[in-house]
Amino acid sequence: MIISDFKSEISDEFNRILSWWRTHAIDHNGGFYGEINQGNQVIPDADKGGVLNARILWTFSAAYPITQNPEDLKIAYRAYEYIRDHFIDPEYGGSYWAVAADGRVSQNRKQIYAIAFTIYGLSEYYKITNDGHALQLAIDLYDAIEKYSFDKTNNGYFEAFTRDWKLLEDLRLSEKDRNDPKTMNTHLHIIEAYANLYTVWKDPKLKHSIQNLLVLFAKHIIDSNGNLILFFDKDWNRTSKAVSYGHNIEASWLLQECAEVLDDPDAIHYWKEKAVTLAESTLYGMQSDGSLIHEYDPEHHHTQTNREWWVSAEGMVGYLNAYQITGDKRYFKYSFYLWQFIKQHLLDIDRGEWYWGVHEDYSLRKDYKMGFWKCPYHNTRACIEVIKRL
């Protein structure tokens, strides 16, 4: 395939994904549905997640400058309005983890991961609207993370709090995660959010926060083998040897992008080198069919061989980025092979959007198409990045 065909197919897929969300995701009782199954059937009583809504806000805000479709601007506004009215805590600050189908708060915990994504979405929305209230909400959320989550003793950020900002005993993002006070995943999405906020708000304290997070990744989170360490105690001692290939390749280009917003040539050079290191370490998860497996846990001799939509999407971007840095055509091929795998196994051609993933035998995983964790973020963003880079 020539590059122009690759770009054309990705452009078509970008529009196909957005069309599905425009058609299926809008809850006419307010905001967006909390869950839609693989058959495009709405689960009417499902909670509406803060991460899902923040990612919808980011997606349609990022898409609008490309599509120039007024409907996308309307959906971005709908997402902003719903977050403003239902997820932002007017008393204690921060944003809630989830609301019920009718918009009432159902889970009022303050999960820093979700608050970071709300900053990410609000910052992107500000770019297309210049809405000062949206920017102020993003700044207020940044201030809340720095005030309550930042560890002034050991550096870094704690995971989760009660509504009034007392550290929770159960800090986990999901049931499959370890209950540790600090994680790579939350730190990755804090820096992603902070970098996006910095593009519209050149605050010196925010710049320092981004610089500090880059140091934390270099010093504590990326190990000597070029893999991300996933879980830590409060003193930054490693608590797990598991390797997440999806997070490796996602971080490879995201951390470089975070360095680039600071406009620091030395930092950019350093994180370009790290991008290639992370991309190379991820090759241990590449399969002969062009796919990228999910995770490997050497402690328990367990490999998660399922191929998930978000890992495949991030892989396309990460390997394309490594190709741009090095000129090594291997990396371009890995990006292209992932797209071929996505087309063959992950696209729901008949009903739209992408499946969650497939097992090793290519049978479908029975997960929802839209929900707490399945959002129009990884795959839409991958399309935007591939189009931009090609």
Protein backbone atom coordinates (compact mmCIF):
# COMPACT_ATOMS: atom_id res chain seq x y z
CA MET A 1 0.00 0.00 0.00
CA ILE A 2 1.25 3.45 -0.85
CA ILE A 3 1.16 6.12 1.82
CA SER A 4 -1.67 8.06 0.15
CA ASP A 5 -3.91 4.94 0.31
CA PHE A 6 -3.05 4.40 3.97
CA LYS A 7 -3.94 8.01 4.74
CA SER A 8 -7.15 7.82 2.70
CA GLU A 9 -8.33 4.69 4.51
CA ILE A 10 -7.59 6.23 7.91
CA SER A 11 -9.46 9.40 6.90
CA ASP A 12 -12.49 7.32 5.95
CA GLU A 13 -12.30 5.44 9.24
CA PHE A 14 -12.06 8.70 11.19
CA ASN A 15 -15.34 9.83 9.64
CA ARG A 16 -16.93 6.41 10.15
CA ILE A 17 -16.13 6.42 13.89
CA LEU A 18 -17.49 9.94 14.37
CA SER A 19 -20.66 9.02 12.47
CA TRP A 20 -21.33 6.14 14.88
CA TRP A 21 -21.01 8.39 17.93
CA ARG A 22 -23.16 11.11 16.39
CA THR A 23 -25.85 8.55 15.61
CA HIS A 24 -25.83 6.29 18.66
CA ALA A 25 -24.27 7.97 21.70
CA ILE A 26 -26.60 10.93 22.35
CA ASP A 27 -29.06 10.45 25.20
CA HIS A 28 -31.97 12.77 24.44
CA ASN A 29 -32.77 12.86 28.15
CA GLY A 30 -29.41 14.59 28.67
CA GLY A 31 -25.79 14.09 27.75
CA PHE A 32 -24.77 10.69 26.43
CA TYR A 33 -25.71 7.12 27.21
CA GLY A 34 -23.65 5.29 29.79
CA GLU A 35 -23.40 2.03 27.86
CA ILE A 36 -24.18 0.52 24.46
CA ASN A 37 -23.52 -3.15 23.76
CA GLN A 38 -21.86 -4.71 20.72
CA GLY A 39 -25.21 -4.95 18.96
CA ASN A 40 -25.72 -1.18 19.32
CA GLN A 41 -28.40 -1.70 21.99
CA VAL A 42 -28.56 0.96 24.72
CA ILE A 43 -28.30 -0.17 28.36
CA PRO A 44 -30.70 2.49 29.67
CA ASP A 45 -29.90 2.31 33.40
CA ALA A 46 -26.09 2.28 33.05
CA ASP A 47 -24.09 4.85 35.00
CA LYS A 48 -22.40 7.57 32.97
CA GLY A 49 -18.66 7.63 33.60
CA GLY A 50 -16.59 10.74 34.04
CA VAL A 51 -13.82 9.33 31.85
CA LEU A 52 -16.25 8.52 29.04
CA ASN A 53 -17.78 12.00 29.07
CA ALA A 54 -14.40 13.76 29.24
CA ARG A 55 -13.15 11.70 26.31
CA ILE A 56 -16.26 12.49 24.26
CA LEU A 57 -15.61 16.17 24.98
CA TRP A 58 -12.00 15.85 23.83
CA THR A 59 -12.90 13.82 20.72
CA PHE A 60 -15.47 16.16 19.24
CA SER A 61 -13.44 19.23 20.20
CA ALA A 62 -10.41 17.76 18.41
CA ALA A 63 -12.49 16.58 15.45
CA TYR A 64 -14.30 19.84 14.75
CA PRO A 65 -11.32 21.76 13.25
CA ILE A 66 -10.85 18.85 10.83
CA THR A 67 -14.45 18.07 9.89
CA GLN A 68 -15.84 21.63 10.14
CA ASN A 69 -19.13 19.85 10.77
CA PRO A 70 -21.45 22.04 12.89
CA GLU A 71 -22.86 18.86 14.42
CA ASP A 72 -19.46 18.11 15.95
CA LEU A 73 -19.33 21.55 17.55
CA LYS A 74 -22.82 20.95 18.96
CA ILE A 75 -21.78 17.59 20.41
CA ALA A 76 -18.67 19.14 21.94
CA TYR A 77 -20.86 21.78 23.56
CA ARG A 78 -23.28 19.10 24.75
CA ALA A 79 -20.40 17.23 26.39
CA TYR A 80 -19.05 20.42 27.98
CA GLU A 81 -22.47 21.43 29.28
CA TYR A 82 -23.13 18.00 30.78
CA ILE A 83 -19.75 17.87 32.51
CA ARG A 84 -20.20 21.41 33.82
CA ASP A 85 -23.69 20.73 35.17
CA HIS A 86 -23.37 17.14 36.39
CA PHE A 87 -19.73 16.13 36.96
CA ILE A 88 -18.08 19.22 38.46
CA ASP A 89 -18.39 19.29 42.26
CA PRO A 90 -19.54 22.83 43.14
CA GLU A 91 -18.79 22.42 46.84
CA TYR A 92 -15.46 20.61 47.17
CA GLY A 93 -14.02 21.04 43.67
CA GLY A 94 -12.82 18.32 41.37
CA SER A 95 -15.09 16.10 39.31
CA TYR A 96 -17.11 13.01 40.17
CA TRP A 97 -16.30 9.50 39.02
CA ALA A 98 -19.83 8.73 37.77
CA VAL A 99 -23.43 9.90 37.61
CA ALA A 100 -26.58 7.81 37.22
CA ALA A 101 -28.55 7.60 33.97
CA ASP A 102 -30.70 10.54 35.13
CA GLY A 103 -27.66 12.72 35.90
CA ARG A 104 -27.68 12.45 39.68
CA VAL A 105 -24.31 11.75 41.29
CA SER A 106 -23.87 8.00 41.81
CA GLN A 107 -20.16 7.71 42.64
CA ASN A 108 -18.70 10.86 44.18
CA ARG A 109 -15.14 9.63 44.60
CA LYS A 110 -12.40 11.87 43.23
CA GLN A 111 -10.29 9.67 40.96
CA ILE A 112 -7.34 11.73 39.74
CA TYR A 113 -7.23 9.83 36.44
CA ALA A 114 -10.77 10.99 35.61
CA ILE A 115 -10.11 14.56 36.74
CA ALA A 116 -7.05 14.66 34.47
CA PHE A 117 -9.14 13.58 31.50
CA THR A 118 -11.65 16.31 32.29
CA ILE A 119 -8.79 18.85 32.10
CA TYR A 120 -7.74 17.28 28.79
CA GLY A 121 -11.24 17.61 27.33
CA LEU A 122 -11.89 21.12 28.64
CA SER A 123 -8.56 22.37 27.26
CA GLU A 124 -9.38 21.00 23.82
CA TYR A 125 -12.87 22.51 23.98
CA TYR A 126 -11.38 25.91 24.80
CA LYS A 127 -9.31 25.74 21.60
CA ILE A 128 -12.44 25.69 19.43
CA THR A 129 -14.62 28.07 21.47
CA ASN A 130 -12.42 30.46 23.47
CA ASP A 131 -14.94 29.88 26.26
CA GLY A 132 -13.26 31.41 29.30
CA HIS A 133 -15.46 29.49 31.73
CA ALA A 134 -14.32 26.17 30.26
CA LEU A 135 -10.69 27.24 30.63
CA GLN A 136 -11.29 28.33 34.21
CA LEU A 137 -12.85 24.96 35.04
CA ALA A 138 -9.73 23.25 33.64
CA ILE A 139 -7.48 25.53 35.73
CA ASP A 140 -9.56 24.87 38.84
CA LEU A 141 -9.21 21.13 38.31
CA TYR A 142 -5.44 21.51 37.86
CA ASP A 143 -5.30 23.48 41.13
CA ALA A 144 -7.32 20.76 42.90
CA ILE A 145 -4.95 17.99 41.75
CA GLU A 146 -1.94 20.01 42.86
CA LYS A 147 -3.51 20.88 46.22
CA TYR A 148 -4.85 17.47 47.21
CA SER A 149 -3.15 14.76 45.15
CA PHE A 150 0.47 15.94 44.90
CA ASP A 151 2.77 14.14 47.34
CA LYS A 152 4.84 16.91 48.89
CA THR A 153 7.08 14.38 50.65
CA ASN A 154 7.99 11.87 47.94
CA ASN A 155 6.81 13.60 44.77
CA GLY A 156 4.19 12.30 42.40
CA TYR A 157 0.43 11.99 42.73
CA PHE A 158 -1.86 9.83 44.84
CA GLU A 159 -4.66 8.03 43.07
CA ALA A 160 -8.08 8.54 44.64
CA PHE A 161 -9.98 10.43 47.30
CA THR A 162 -13.37 10.80 48.93
CA ARG A 163 -15.61 13.63 47.80
CA ASP A 164 -14.03 15.91 50.44
CA TRP A 165 -10.46 14.86 49.53
CA LYS A 166 -9.56 12.23 52.11
CA LEU A 167 -7.31 9.49 50.71
CA LEU A 168 -9.32 6.35 49.97
CA GLU A 169 -8.38 2.84 51.07
CA ASP A 170 -9.50 1.38 47.74
CA LEU A 171 -7.54 3.45 45.21
CA ARG A 172 -8.04 1.25 42.15
CA LEU A 173 -9.21 2.52 38.79
CA SER A 174 -10.80 -0.86 38.08
CA GLU A 175 -11.06 -4.29 39.63
CA LYS A 176 -8.18 -5.65 37.56
CA ASP A 177 -5.71 -3.09 38.94
CA ARG A 178 -3.49 -3.36 41.99
CA ASN A 179 -4.51 -1.25 44.99
CA ASP A 180 -1.35 0.87 45.08
CA PRO A 181 -1.05 4.56 45.97
CA LYS A 182 0.80 5.54 42.77
CA THR A 183 0.49 4.22 39.23
CA MET A 184 2.08 4.83 35.87
CA ASN A 185 -1.33 5.10 34.21
CA THR A 186 -2.55 8.02 36.29
CA HIS A 187 0.76 9.87 35.96
CA LEU A 188 0.72 9.38 32.18
CA HIS A 189 -2.71 10.92 31.85
CA ILE A 190 -1.97 13.74 34.28
CA ILE A 191 0.98 14.84 32.15
CA GLU A 192 -1.07 14.40 28.96
CA ALA A 193 -3.77 16.68 30.43
CA TYR A 194 -1.30 19.21 31.80
CA ALA A 195 0.48 19.45 28.44
CA ASN A 196 -2.81 20.10 26.64
CA LEU A 197 -3.73 22.75 29.20
CA TYR A 198 -0.33 24.37 28.75
CA THR A 199 -1.00 24.87 25.03
CA VAL A 200 -3.76 27.34 25.99
CA TRP A 201 -2.55 28.58 29.41
CA LYS A 202 1.19 29.35 29.64
CA ASP A 203 1.36 29.33 33.41
CA PRO A 204 4.87 29.00 34.98
CA LYS A 205 3.65 26.69 37.76
CA LEU A 206 1.96 24.43 35.21
CA LYS A 207 5.17 24.35 33.17
CA HIS A 208 7.07 23.27 36.28
CA SER A 209 4.48 20.54 36.93
CA ILE A 210 5.02 19.14 33.42
CA GLN A 211 8.81 19.29 33.78
CA ASN A 212 8.56 17.51 37.13
CA LEU A 213 6.38 14.76 35.67
CA LEU A 214 8.88 14.18 32.86
CA VAL A 215 11.58 13.79 35.49
CA LEU A 216 9.41 11.29 37.37
CA PHE A 217 8.99 9.21 34.22
CA ALA A 218 12.72 9.29 33.52
CA LYS A 219 13.75 8.59 37.11
CA HIS A 220 11.11 6.19 38.41
CA ILE A 221 8.64 4.96 35.80
CA ILE A 222 10.71 3.80 32.80
CA ASP A 223 12.90 0.85 33.76
CA SER A 224 16.33 -0.14 32.45
CA ASN A 225 14.73 -2.43 29.83
CA GLY A 226 12.71 0.40 28.33
CA ASN A 227 9.41 -0.72 29.81
CA LEU A 228 7.02 1.28 31.95
CA ILE A 229 6.75 0.20 35.57
CA LEU A 230 3.02 0.06 36.27
CA PHE A 231 2.55 0.19 40.06
CA PHE A 232 4.38 1.73 43.04
CA ASP A 233 4.13 2.26 46.77
CA LYS A 234 4.17 5.82 48.08
CA ASP A 235 8.00 5.84 48.14
CA TRP A 236 8.28 4.86 44.44
CA ASN A 237 9.26 1.26 45.14
CA ARG A 238 8.14 -1.02 42.32
CA THR A 239 5.28 -3.36 43.30
CA SER A 240 4.71 -5.20 40.00
CA LYS A 241 6.83 -6.63 37.19
CA ALA A 242 3.99 -6.69 34.67
CA VAL A 243 4.62 -5.11 31.26
CA SER A 244 1.84 -3.31 29.39
CA TYR A 245 2.73 -3.19 25.70
CA GLY A 246 -0.18 -0.84 25.00
CA HIS A 247 0.97 1.67 27.58
CA ASN A 248 4.60 1.39 26.43
CA ILE A 249 3.71 2.40 22.90
CA GLU A 250 1.17 5.04 23.98
CA ALA A 251 3.68 6.68 26.31
CA SER A 252 6.37 6.62 23.62
CA TRP A 253 4.74 9.37 21.59
CA LEU A 254 2.76 11.08 24.36
CA LEU A 255 5.80 11.87 26.51
CA GLN A 256 7.60 13.24 23.47
CA GLU A 257 4.59 15.44 22.74
CA CYS A 258 4.58 16.68 26.35
CA ALA A 259 8.24 17.67 26.00
CA GLU A 260 7.51 19.43 22.72
CA VAL A 261 4.87 21.73 24.25
CA LEU A 262 7.59 23.07 26.58
CA ASP A 263 9.71 24.08 23.58
CA ASP A 264 12.88 22.80 25.27
CA PRO A 265 15.32 21.41 22.64
CA ASP A 266 17.23 19.27 25.17
CA ALA A 267 14.04 17.74 26.57
CA ILE A 268 12.69 17.10 23.07
CA HIS A 269 15.91 15.34 22.05
CA TYR A 270 15.86 13.21 25.20
CA TRP A 271 12.21 12.17 24.79
CA LYS A 272 12.63 11.39 21.12
CA GLU A 273 15.33 8.91 22.11
CA LYS A 274 13.04 7.51 24.82
CA ALA A 275 10.21 7.25 22.28
CA VAL A 276 12.32 4.90 20.17
CA THR A 277 13.41 2.93 23.25
CA LEU A 278 9.80 2.42 24.34
CA ALA A 279 8.72 1.51 20.81
CA GLU A 280 11.53 -1.02 20.55
CA SER A 281 10.68 -2.62 23.92
CA THR A 282 7.09 -2.99 22.75
CA LEU A 283 8.20 -5.20 19.86
CA TYR A 284 8.29 -8.12 22.30
CA GLY A 285 4.49 -7.95 22.18
CA MET A 286 4.21 -7.84 18.38
CA GLN A 287 2.78 -10.97 16.78
CA SER A 288 3.30 -12.57 13.38
CA ASP A 289 -0.23 -11.54 12.33
CA GLY A 290 0.69 -7.86 12.73
CA SER A 291 -1.13 -7.44 16.04
CA LEU A 292 0.10 -6.29 19.43
CA ILE A 293 -0.83 -8.32 22.51
CA HIS A 294 -2.01 -6.63 25.67
CA GLU A 295 0.23 -7.46 28.61
CA TYR A 296 2.87 -9.79 30.05
CA ASP A 297 3.30 -10.62 33.73
CA PRO A 298 6.54 -12.56 34.33
CA GLU A 299 5.86 -12.97 38.06
CA HIS A 300 2.80 -15.10 37.36
CA HIS A 301 4.05 -16.50 34.03
CA HIS A 302 0.97 -15.07 32.38
CA THR A 303 0.59 -13.43 28.98
CA GLN A 304 -2.63 -11.64 28.07
CA THR A 305 -2.82 -12.59 24.41
CA ASN A 306 -6.03 -10.71 23.65
CA ARG A 307 -5.76 -7.90 21.11
CA GLU A 308 -7.55 -4.79 22.32
CA TRP A 309 -8.79 -1.83 20.30
CA TRP A 310 -6.86 0.80 22.25
CA VAL A 311 -3.55 -1.07 22.11
CA SER A 312 -3.88 -1.44 18.35
CA ALA A 313 -4.77 2.24 17.90
CA GLU A 314 -1.90 3.52 20.05
CA GLY A 315 0.47 1.12 18.31
CA MET A 316 -0.28 2.69 14.93
CA VAL A 317 0.69 6.12 16.27
CA GLY A 318 3.68 5.02 18.33
CA TYR A 319 5.34 3.13 15.51
CA LEU A 320 4.62 5.84 12.99
CA ASN A 321 6.24 8.30 15.39
CA ALA A 322 9.31 6.05 15.76
CA TYR A 323 9.55 5.90 11.96
CA GLN A 324 9.45 9.70 11.75
CA ILE A 325 12.25 9.99 14.30
CA THR A 326 14.55 7.34 12.86
CA GLY A 327 13.59 6.87 9.23
CA ASP A 328 13.68 3.12 9.94
CA LYS A 329 11.04 1.59 7.65
CA ARG A 330 10.49 -1.32 10.05
CA TYR A 331 8.50 0.98 12.27
CA PHE A 332 6.33 2.20 9.40
CA LYS A 333 5.57 -1.41 8.54
CA TYR A 334 4.54 -2.16 12.13
CA SER A 335 2.11 0.77 12.02
CA PHE A 336 0.73 -0.38 8.69
CA TYR A 337 0.44 -4.03 9.82
CA LEU A 338 -1.57 -2.94 12.86
CA TRP A 339 -4.00 -1.14 10.57
CA GLN A 340 -4.38 -4.29 8.50
CA PHE A 341 -5.14 -6.27 11.66
CA ILE A 342 -7.64 -3.64 12.82
CA LYS A 343 -9.44 -3.77 9.47
CA GLN A 344 -9.64 -7.55 9.51
CA HIS A 345 -10.56 -8.19 13.13
CA LEU A 346 -11.59 -5.08 15.08
CA LEU A 347 -13.85 -3.00 12.83
CA ASP A 348 -17.58 -3.66 13.06
CA ILE A 349 -18.20 -3.08 9.38
CA ASP A 350 -21.95 -3.64 9.52
CA ARG A 351 -22.86 -1.73 12.68
CA GLY A 352 -20.05 0.81 13.04
CA GLU A 353 -17.25 1.58 15.52
CA TRP A 354 -14.67 -0.96 16.73
CA TYR A 355 -15.07 -4.06 18.82
CA TRP A 356 -13.35 -4.08 22.20
CA GLY A 357 -11.00 -6.78 20.99
CA VAL A 358 -10.45 -10.39 20.04
CA HIS A 359 -8.99 -13.40 21.79
CA GLU A 360 -5.96 -15.30 20.52
CA ASP A 361 -8.22 -17.41 18.28
CA TYR A 362 -9.78 -14.19 16.88
CA SER A 363 -13.13 -14.81 18.56
CA LEU A 364 -14.74 -11.60 19.76
CA ARG A 365 -14.44 -10.46 23.34
CA LYS A 366 -17.92 -9.96 24.73
CA ASP A 367 -17.60 -6.38 25.93
CA TYR A 368 -19.58 -3.21 25.32
CA LYS A 369 -18.98 -0.91 22.36
CA MET A 370 -19.50 2.24 24.43
CA GLY A 371 -19.16 2.45 28.18
CA PHE A 372 -17.04 3.42 31.15
CA TRP A 373 -13.81 2.57 29.32
CA LYS A 374 -14.79 2.26 25.66
CA CYS A 375 -14.78 5.79 24.34
CA PRO A 376 -14.11 7.58 21.01
CA TYR A 377 -10.66 8.58 22.20
CA HIS A 378 -7.94 6.08 21.35
CA ASN A 379 -9.18 5.21 17.86
CA THR A 380 -10.27 8.73 16.86
CA ARG A 381 -7.04 10.21 18.18
CA ALA A 382 -5.03 7.57 16.34
CA CYS A 383 -6.78 8.52 13.10
CA ILE A 384 -6.07 12.22 13.69
CA GLU A 385 -2.41 11.52 14.44
CA VAL A 386 -1.89 9.23 11.44
CA ILE A 387 -3.57 11.73 9.08
CA LYS A 388 -1.46 14.55 10.50
CA ARG A 389 1.80 12.61 10.34
CA LEU A 390 1.26 11.24 6.81
